[in-house]
Amino acid sequence: MTPAVAVPEATDVKETELAPVVTAPPPPPAARTAEALDTTTPEQRAAAAQPAEQGAQSLGTTVASLGSATEPGLWMKTPLVKSEIQGRVVNPATGKSSTVRLIPLDGPKTAGSRMSLSALRLIGASLTDLTPVEVSTGG
């Protein structure tokens, strides 16, 4: 984890409309595998993996763990934001990134974050490990 840095408050971060790429239908009740629980489409995954837009603002680094595997879409619950915005996460170990919905999570900015199964898979992270990720605004 990186040392604490000045992180923009929610009022400093431009609100953006959430892209449809980050939403997905819930998995079927009988889903038990990562493949069955990940209801994002190949098109959504390809769009989410596109390079970041110019002007993205770094929010910092956090350690991500698997959130609720049955909560669909590309999202991360993190104390790095105070309001829901579209953002991007990068796994420095793989270089892979994803557009995600950043959802506020109570706690200090140095606390960890929870990421969706779909987003963890897209950035090449293990579903059982704690993965350091870089977080920024935009998509």
N, C-alpha and C. Protein backbone atom coordinates (compact mmCIF):
# COMPACT_ATOMS: atom_id res chain seq x y z
N MET A 1 0.85 -1.16 0.00
CA MET A 1 0.00 0.00 0.00
C MET A 1 0.90 1.23 0.00
N THR A 2 0.48 2.27 -0.71
CA THR A 2 1.28 3.49 -0.77
C THR A 2 0.95 4.38 0.42
N PRO A 3 1.86 5.29 0.75
CA PRO A 3 1.58 6.21 1.85
C PRO A 3 0.37 7.07 1.53
N ALA A 4 -0.22 7.60 2.60
CA ALA A 4 -1.40 8.45 2.42
C ALA A 4 -1.04 9.67 1.58
N VAL A 5 -1.91 10.00 0.65
CA VAL A 5 -1.73 11.17 -0.20
C VAL A 5 -3.00 11.98 -0.15
N ALA A 6 -2.91 13.21 -0.57
CA ALA A 6 -4.10 14.05 -0.63
C ALA A 6 -5.03 13.49 -1.70
N VAL A 7 -6.19 13.06 -1.27
CA VAL A 7 -7.17 12.49 -2.18
C VAL A 7 -8.28 13.50 -2.37
N PRO A 8 -8.70 13.76 -3.61
CA PRO A 8 -9.74 14.76 -3.82
C PRO A 8 -11.04 14.36 -3.13
N GLU A 9 -11.69 15.34 -2.55
CA GLU A 9 -12.99 15.10 -1.96
C GLU A 9 -13.99 14.89 -3.09
N ALA A 10 -15.14 14.33 -2.76
CA ALA A 10 -16.16 14.07 -3.77
C ALA A 10 -16.53 15.33 -4.53
N THR A 11 -16.47 16.48 -3.87
CA THR A 11 -16.82 17.73 -4.54
C THR A 11 -15.75 18.14 -5.55
N ASP A 12 -14.52 17.59 -5.42
CA ASP A 12 -13.44 17.91 -6.34
C ASP A 12 -13.45 17.01 -7.57
N VAL A 13 -14.21 15.94 -7.52
CA VAL A 13 -14.23 14.96 -8.59
C VAL A 13 -15.44 15.21 -9.46
N LYS A 14 -15.21 15.36 -10.75
CA LYS A 14 -16.29 15.63 -11.69
C LYS A 14 -17.24 14.43 -11.74
N GLU A 15 -18.52 14.70 -11.54
CA GLU A 15 -19.52 13.64 -11.66
C GLU A 15 -19.60 13.22 -13.12
N THR A 16 -19.63 11.94 -13.35
CA THR A 16 -19.77 11.44 -14.71
C THR A 16 -20.94 10.48 -14.76
N GLU A 17 -21.56 10.43 -15.90
CA GLU A 17 -22.63 9.47 -16.09
C GLU A 17 -22.02 8.08 -16.14
N LEU A 18 -22.61 7.14 -15.42
CA LEU A 18 -22.07 5.79 -15.41
C LEU A 18 -22.35 5.11 -16.73
N ALA A 19 -21.32 4.54 -17.30
CA ALA A 19 -21.44 3.87 -18.59
C ALA A 19 -22.22 2.56 -18.42
N PRO A 20 -23.02 2.19 -19.43
CA PRO A 20 -23.75 0.93 -19.34
C PRO A 20 -22.82 -0.28 -19.26
N VAL A 21 -21.56 -0.07 -19.59
CA VAL A 21 -20.60 -1.17 -19.56
C VAL A 21 -20.43 -1.75 -18.15
N VAL A 22 -20.72 -0.97 -17.11
CA VAL A 22 -20.47 -1.43 -15.75
C VAL A 22 -21.65 -2.19 -15.13
N THR A 23 -22.79 -2.23 -15.82
CA THR A 23 -23.96 -2.92 -15.27
C THR A 23 -24.16 -4.27 -15.94
N ALA A 24 -24.77 -5.18 -15.21
CA ALA A 24 -25.05 -6.52 -15.74
C ALA A 24 -26.23 -7.11 -14.97
N PRO A 25 -26.91 -8.08 -15.57
CA PRO A 25 -28.02 -8.71 -14.86
C PRO A 25 -27.50 -9.61 -13.74
N PRO A 26 -28.34 -9.90 -12.75
CA PRO A 26 -27.90 -10.80 -11.68
C PRO A 26 -27.65 -12.21 -12.22
N PRO A 27 -26.77 -12.95 -11.57
CA PRO A 27 -26.52 -14.32 -12.02
C PRO A 27 -27.72 -15.22 -11.69
N PRO A 28 -27.83 -16.34 -12.39
CA PRO A 28 -28.93 -17.26 -12.07
C PRO A 28 -28.75 -17.82 -10.66
N PRO A 29 -29.85 -18.15 -9.98
CA PRO A 29 -29.75 -18.67 -8.61
C PRO A 29 -28.87 -19.91 -8.48
N ALA A 30 -28.79 -20.72 -9.51
CA ALA A 30 -28.00 -21.95 -9.44
C ALA A 30 -26.52 -21.74 -9.76
N ALA A 31 -26.10 -20.51 -10.05
CA ALA A 31 -24.71 -20.25 -10.42
C ALA A 31 -23.77 -20.58 -9.26
N ARG A 32 -22.71 -21.34 -9.56
CA ARG A 32 -21.75 -21.74 -8.54
C ARG A 32 -20.30 -21.52 -8.96
N THR A 33 -20.06 -21.30 -10.24
CA THR A 33 -18.69 -21.11 -10.73
C THR A 33 -18.47 -19.64 -11.07
N ALA A 34 -17.20 -19.25 -11.15
CA ALA A 34 -16.88 -17.86 -11.52
C ALA A 34 -17.47 -17.52 -12.88
N GLU A 35 -17.42 -18.46 -13.81
CA GLU A 35 -17.95 -18.22 -15.16
C GLU A 35 -19.46 -17.98 -15.11
N ALA A 36 -20.17 -18.75 -14.31
CA ALA A 36 -21.62 -18.61 -14.22
C ALA A 36 -22.02 -17.35 -13.45
N LEU A 37 -21.21 -16.97 -12.46
CA LEU A 37 -21.51 -15.78 -11.66
C LEU A 37 -21.18 -14.49 -12.41
N ASP A 38 -20.26 -14.54 -13.37
CA ASP A 38 -19.88 -13.36 -14.15
C ASP A 38 -20.85 -13.20 -15.31
N THR A 39 -21.80 -12.27 -15.17
CA THR A 39 -22.83 -12.10 -16.20
C THR A 39 -22.53 -10.94 -17.15
N THR A 40 -21.33 -10.37 -17.08
CA THR A 40 -20.96 -9.35 -18.06
C THR A 40 -20.77 -10.03 -19.41
N THR A 41 -21.08 -9.30 -20.47
CA THR A 41 -20.95 -9.86 -21.81
C THR A 41 -19.52 -9.67 -22.33
N PRO A 42 -19.13 -10.44 -23.34
CA PRO A 42 -17.80 -10.22 -23.94
C PRO A 42 -17.63 -8.78 -24.43
N GLU A 43 -18.71 -8.19 -24.95
CA GLU A 43 -18.66 -6.81 -25.43
C GLU A 43 -18.41 -5.83 -24.27
N GLN A 44 -19.08 -6.06 -23.14
CA GLN A 44 -18.87 -5.21 -21.97
C GLN A 44 -17.43 -5.32 -21.47
N ARG A 45 -16.92 -6.53 -21.41
CA ARG A 45 -15.55 -6.73 -20.93
C ARG A 45 -14.55 -6.05 -21.87
N ALA A 46 -14.78 -6.14 -23.18
CA ALA A 46 -13.88 -5.50 -24.14
C ALA A 46 -13.93 -3.98 -23.99
N ALA A 47 -15.13 -3.42 -23.83
CA ALA A 47 -15.27 -1.97 -23.67
C ALA A 47 -14.64 -1.50 -22.35
N ALA A 48 -14.83 -2.25 -21.28
CA ALA A 48 -14.28 -1.87 -19.97
C ALA A 48 -12.76 -1.93 -19.95
N ALA A 49 -12.18 -2.78 -20.78
CA ALA A 49 -10.72 -2.95 -20.80
C ALA A 49 -10.02 -1.94 -21.71
N GLN A 50 -10.78 -1.10 -22.42
CA GLN A 50 -10.17 -0.09 -23.30
C GLN A 50 -9.30 0.86 -22.47
N PRO A 51 -8.28 1.45 -23.07
CA PRO A 51 -7.40 2.38 -22.33
C PRO A 51 -8.17 3.52 -21.69
N ALA A 52 -7.61 4.03 -20.60
CA ALA A 52 -8.24 5.12 -19.85
C ALA A 52 -8.30 6.39 -20.69
N GLU A 53 -9.30 7.20 -20.40
CA GLU A 53 -9.44 8.49 -21.07
C GLU A 53 -8.40 9.47 -20.54
N GLN A 54 -8.09 10.47 -21.34
CA GLN A 54 -7.16 11.52 -20.93
C GLN A 54 -7.78 12.31 -19.77
N GLY A 55 -6.95 12.81 -18.89
CA GLY A 55 -7.44 13.66 -17.81
C GLY A 55 -7.97 12.93 -16.59
N ALA A 56 -7.80 11.62 -16.52
CA ALA A 56 -8.24 10.90 -15.34
C ALA A 56 -7.42 11.36 -14.14
N GLN A 57 -8.06 11.42 -12.99
CA GLN A 57 -7.41 11.88 -11.77
C GLN A 57 -7.17 10.70 -10.84
N SER A 58 -5.93 10.50 -10.41
CA SER A 58 -5.61 9.40 -9.50
C SER A 58 -6.27 9.63 -8.15
N LEU A 59 -6.87 8.57 -7.62
CA LEU A 59 -7.47 8.62 -6.29
C LEU A 59 -6.59 7.91 -5.27
N GLY A 60 -5.62 7.13 -5.74
CA GLY A 60 -4.71 6.43 -4.84
C GLY A 60 -4.67 4.95 -5.10
N THR A 61 -4.04 4.25 -4.18
CA THR A 61 -3.90 2.80 -4.26
C THR A 61 -4.64 2.19 -3.09
N THR A 62 -5.28 1.05 -3.33
CA THR A 62 -5.99 0.34 -2.28
C THR A 62 -5.76 -1.15 -2.48
N VAL A 63 -6.06 -1.92 -1.46
CA VAL A 63 -5.98 -3.37 -1.56
C VAL A 63 -7.40 -3.88 -1.74
N ALA A 64 -7.62 -4.61 -2.82
CA ALA A 64 -8.96 -5.10 -3.15
C ALA A 64 -9.10 -6.58 -2.83
N SER A 65 -10.26 -6.91 -2.30
CA SER A 65 -10.63 -8.31 -2.09
C SER A 65 -11.96 -8.53 -2.80
N LEU A 66 -12.33 -9.79 -2.95
CA LEU A 66 -13.59 -10.13 -3.61
C LEU A 66 -14.77 -9.65 -2.77
N GLY A 67 -15.65 -8.89 -3.39
CA GLY A 67 -16.89 -8.48 -2.75
C GLY A 67 -17.93 -9.58 -2.92
N SER A 68 -19.19 -9.24 -2.85
CA SER A 68 -20.26 -10.23 -3.02
C SER A 68 -20.22 -10.79 -4.44
N ALA A 69 -20.00 -12.08 -4.56
CA ALA A 69 -19.89 -12.72 -5.87
C ALA A 69 -21.21 -12.72 -6.63
N THR A 70 -22.32 -12.51 -5.93
CA THR A 70 -23.62 -12.52 -6.61
C THR A 70 -24.08 -11.11 -6.97
N GLU A 71 -23.31 -10.09 -6.62
CA GLU A 71 -23.65 -8.72 -7.00
C GLU A 71 -23.05 -8.46 -8.38
N PRO A 72 -23.90 -8.33 -9.41
CA PRO A 72 -23.40 -8.27 -10.79
C PRO A 72 -22.75 -6.95 -11.16
N GLY A 73 -22.02 -6.98 -12.26
CA GLY A 73 -21.45 -5.77 -12.84
C GLY A 73 -19.99 -5.58 -12.51
N LEU A 74 -19.49 -4.44 -12.95
CA LEU A 74 -18.09 -4.06 -12.74
C LEU A 74 -18.09 -2.91 -11.73
N TRP A 75 -17.71 -3.19 -10.50
CA TRP A 75 -17.78 -2.20 -9.44
C TRP A 75 -16.68 -2.42 -8.41
N MET A 76 -16.43 -1.38 -7.63
CA MET A 76 -15.55 -1.49 -6.47
C MET A 76 -16.10 -0.59 -5.38
N LYS A 77 -16.28 -1.15 -4.19
CA LYS A 77 -16.69 -0.39 -3.02
C LYS A 77 -15.40 0.02 -2.31
N THR A 78 -15.23 1.32 -2.16
CA THR A 78 -13.95 1.84 -1.66
C THR A 78 -14.13 3.09 -0.82
N PRO A 79 -13.29 3.27 0.20
CA PRO A 79 -13.33 4.51 0.96
C PRO A 79 -12.63 5.67 0.24
N LEU A 80 -12.13 5.44 -0.97
CA LEU A 80 -11.45 6.50 -1.72
C LEU A 80 -12.42 7.50 -2.35
N VAL A 81 -13.73 7.19 -2.36
CA VAL A 81 -14.73 8.12 -2.92
C VAL A 81 -15.83 8.37 -1.89
N LYS A 82 -16.47 9.53 -2.03
CA LYS A 82 -17.58 9.89 -1.14
C LYS A 82 -18.91 9.87 -1.86
N SER A 83 -18.88 9.74 -3.18
CA SER A 83 -20.11 9.61 -3.96
C SER A 83 -19.84 8.63 -5.10
N GLU A 84 -20.90 8.05 -5.59
CA GLU A 84 -20.76 7.05 -6.66
C GLU A 84 -20.34 7.73 -7.96
N ILE A 85 -19.25 7.25 -8.54
CA ILE A 85 -18.75 7.80 -9.80
C ILE A 85 -18.17 6.67 -10.64
N GLN A 86 -17.98 6.95 -11.91
CA GLN A 86 -17.31 6.00 -12.78
C GLN A 86 -15.81 6.18 -12.60
N GLY A 87 -15.09 5.08 -12.56
CA GLY A 87 -13.64 5.15 -12.39
C GLY A 87 -12.95 4.02 -13.12
N ARG A 88 -11.69 3.87 -12.82
CA ARG A 88 -10.87 2.83 -13.44
C ARG A 88 -9.96 2.25 -12.38
N VAL A 89 -9.77 0.94 -12.44
CA VAL A 89 -8.81 0.25 -11.58
C VAL A 89 -7.76 -0.41 -12.46
N VAL A 90 -6.52 -0.38 -12.00
CA VAL A 90 -5.40 -1.00 -12.71
C VAL A 90 -4.71 -1.95 -11.76
N ASN A 91 -4.46 -3.17 -12.23
CA ASN A 91 -3.69 -4.14 -11.48
C ASN A 91 -2.24 -3.98 -11.92
N PRO A 92 -1.37 -3.38 -11.09
CA PRO A 92 0.02 -3.16 -11.50
C PRO A 92 0.77 -4.46 -11.80
N ALA A 93 0.35 -5.56 -11.20
CA ALA A 93 1.03 -6.84 -11.41
C ALA A 93 0.81 -7.38 -12.81
N THR A 94 -0.36 -7.08 -13.41
CA THR A 94 -0.66 -7.60 -14.75
C THR A 94 -0.70 -6.51 -15.81
N GLY A 95 -0.85 -5.26 -15.38
CA GLY A 95 -1.01 -4.15 -16.32
C GLY A 95 -2.42 -4.05 -16.87
N LYS A 96 -3.31 -4.96 -16.48
CA LYS A 96 -4.69 -4.95 -16.97
C LYS A 96 -5.52 -3.97 -16.16
N SER A 97 -6.53 -3.37 -16.84
CA SER A 97 -7.38 -2.40 -16.17
C SER A 97 -8.83 -2.60 -16.57
N SER A 98 -9.71 -1.95 -15.80
CA SER A 98 -11.14 -2.03 -16.07
C SER A 98 -11.84 -0.76 -15.64
N THR A 99 -12.81 -0.34 -16.44
CA THR A 99 -13.75 0.68 -16.02
C THR A 99 -14.63 0.04 -14.96
N VAL A 100 -14.91 0.76 -13.89
CA VAL A 100 -15.77 0.25 -12.81
C VAL A 100 -16.64 1.37 -12.27
N ARG A 101 -17.69 0.98 -11.59
CA ARG A 101 -18.49 1.92 -10.80
C ARG A 101 -17.81 1.97 -9.43
N LEU A 102 -17.39 3.15 -9.01
CA LEU A 102 -16.79 3.33 -7.69
C LEU A 102 -17.90 3.69 -6.72
N ILE A 103 -18.06 2.90 -5.68
CA ILE A 103 -19.15 3.05 -4.72
C ILE A 103 -18.53 3.37 -3.35
N PRO A 104 -19.02 4.41 -2.67
CA PRO A 104 -18.44 4.76 -1.36
C PRO A 104 -18.56 3.62 -0.35
N LEU A 105 -17.51 3.46 0.44
CA LEU A 105 -17.47 2.48 1.52
C LEU A 105 -16.97 3.21 2.75
N ASP A 106 -17.70 3.11 3.85
CA ASP A 106 -17.28 3.78 5.08
C ASP A 106 -15.95 3.23 5.56
N GLY A 107 -15.12 4.11 6.06
CA GLY A 107 -13.84 3.71 6.62
C GLY A 107 -12.76 4.70 6.23
N PRO A 108 -11.59 4.56 6.86
CA PRO A 108 -10.49 5.44 6.50
C PRO A 108 -10.01 5.17 5.08
N LYS A 109 -9.44 6.18 4.44
CA LYS A 109 -8.98 6.03 3.05
C LYS A 109 -7.90 4.95 2.91
N THR A 110 -7.26 4.59 4.03
CA THR A 110 -6.23 3.56 3.99
C THR A 110 -6.80 2.15 4.14
N ALA A 111 -8.12 2.05 4.36
CA ALA A 111 -8.75 0.74 4.49
C ALA A 111 -8.82 0.07 3.13
N GLY A 112 -9.05 -1.20 3.11
CA GLY A 112 -9.17 -1.94 1.86
C GLY A 112 -10.49 -1.69 1.16
N SER A 113 -10.62 -2.29 -0.01
CA SER A 113 -11.80 -2.13 -0.85
C SER A 113 -12.32 -3.50 -1.25
N ARG A 114 -13.57 -3.55 -1.70
CA ARG A 114 -14.18 -4.79 -2.19
C ARG A 114 -14.51 -4.61 -3.66
N MET A 115 -14.12 -5.60 -4.46
CA MET A 115 -14.31 -5.50 -5.90
C MET A 115 -15.18 -6.65 -6.40
N SER A 116 -15.94 -6.36 -7.47
CA SER A 116 -16.80 -7.39 -8.05
C SER A 116 -15.98 -8.52 -8.66
N LEU A 117 -16.58 -9.68 -8.70
CA LEU A 117 -15.96 -10.84 -9.32
C LEU A 117 -15.61 -10.54 -10.77
N SER A 118 -16.52 -9.89 -11.49
CA SER A 118 -16.28 -9.58 -12.90
C SER A 118 -15.07 -8.67 -13.08
N ALA A 119 -14.94 -7.65 -12.24
CA ALA A 119 -13.82 -6.72 -12.35
C ALA A 119 -12.50 -7.40 -11.98
N LEU A 120 -12.50 -8.21 -10.93
CA LEU A 120 -11.28 -8.93 -10.55
C LEU A 120 -10.81 -9.83 -11.68
N ARG A 121 -11.74 -10.53 -12.31
CA ARG A 121 -11.37 -11.41 -13.42
C ARG A 121 -10.80 -10.61 -14.58
N LEU A 122 -11.40 -9.46 -14.86
CA LEU A 122 -10.97 -8.65 -16.00
C LEU A 122 -9.56 -8.09 -15.82
N ILE A 123 -9.18 -7.78 -14.58
CA ILE A 123 -7.83 -7.24 -14.36
C ILE A 123 -6.81 -8.34 -14.05
N GLY A 124 -7.23 -9.59 -14.18
CA GLY A 124 -6.30 -10.71 -14.00
C GLY A 124 -5.89 -10.95 -12.56
N ALA A 125 -6.78 -10.64 -11.62
CA ALA A 125 -6.49 -10.84 -10.20
C ALA A 125 -7.09 -12.15 -9.71
N SER A 126 -6.45 -12.74 -8.72
CA SER A 126 -6.98 -13.94 -8.09
C SER A 126 -8.23 -13.58 -7.30
N LEU A 127 -9.20 -14.46 -7.30
CA LEU A 127 -10.43 -14.22 -6.55
C LEU A 127 -10.22 -14.45 -5.06
N THR A 128 -9.12 -15.09 -4.67
CA THR A 128 -8.88 -15.41 -3.27
C THR A 128 -7.77 -14.60 -2.62
N ASP A 129 -7.07 -13.78 -3.40
CA ASP A 129 -5.97 -12.99 -2.86
C ASP A 129 -6.40 -11.55 -2.57
N LEU A 130 -5.54 -10.86 -1.84
CA LEU A 130 -5.68 -9.42 -1.65
C LEU A 130 -4.81 -8.78 -2.73
N THR A 131 -5.42 -7.98 -3.59
CA THR A 131 -4.73 -7.43 -4.75
C THR A 131 -4.59 -5.91 -4.66
N PRO A 132 -3.36 -5.39 -4.65
CA PRO A 132 -3.20 -3.94 -4.70
C PRO A 132 -3.63 -3.43 -6.07
N VAL A 133 -4.44 -2.37 -6.09
CA VAL A 133 -4.88 -1.77 -7.35
C VAL A 133 -4.76 -0.26 -7.28
N GLU A 134 -4.49 0.34 -8.44
CA GLU A 134 -4.46 1.79 -8.57
C GLU A 134 -5.84 2.23 -9.03
N VAL A 135 -6.36 3.28 -8.41
CA VAL A 135 -7.73 3.74 -8.67
C VAL A 135 -7.68 5.17 -9.20
N SER A 136 -8.50 5.43 -10.23
CA SER A 136 -8.58 6.79 -10.78
C SER A 136 -10.01 7.09 -11.20
N THR A 137 -10.27 8.36 -11.44
CA THR A 137 -11.58 8.79 -11.93
C THR A 137 -11.67 8.49 -13.42
N GLY A 138 -12.83 8.68 -13.97
CA GLY A 138 -13.01 8.47 -15.41
C GLY A 138 -13.18 7.01 -15.73
N GLY A 139 -13.07 6.68 -16.99
CA GLY A 139 -13.25 5.29 -17.35
C GLY A 139 -12.38 4.93 -18.46
